[in-house]
Amino acid sequence: MLGAICFASCALPQVIKALKTKSTNDISLFYIILSIFGNIFSAIYIFGTNYISGYWQWPQYFNYGTALTLIIILLVIKRKYDK
């Protein structure tokens, strides 16, 4: 579970920094888009394998859900500040 928390919160420092500095110039839009798709596809894969096996890996859902939420927040912040 600790690993899931660490991975899930990786984007949190960047979100905090972007909110404090009101700048996202150093954040690549391509990085954000790849992160969004990577988290979505990974979550779909985990869900599919869990559904088939009947073994549910709840820390993984927490990981991908939290990471996806933070990356989407970062995307919104980037769109707001990069006008």
Foldseek 3Di string as FASTA:
>chain_A
DVVLVCLLCPLVVVLVVCVVVLDDPVPDPVVLVCQLVVLVVVVVVLVVVCVVVVNHDVSSVSSSVSNNVSSVSVVVSNVVSVD
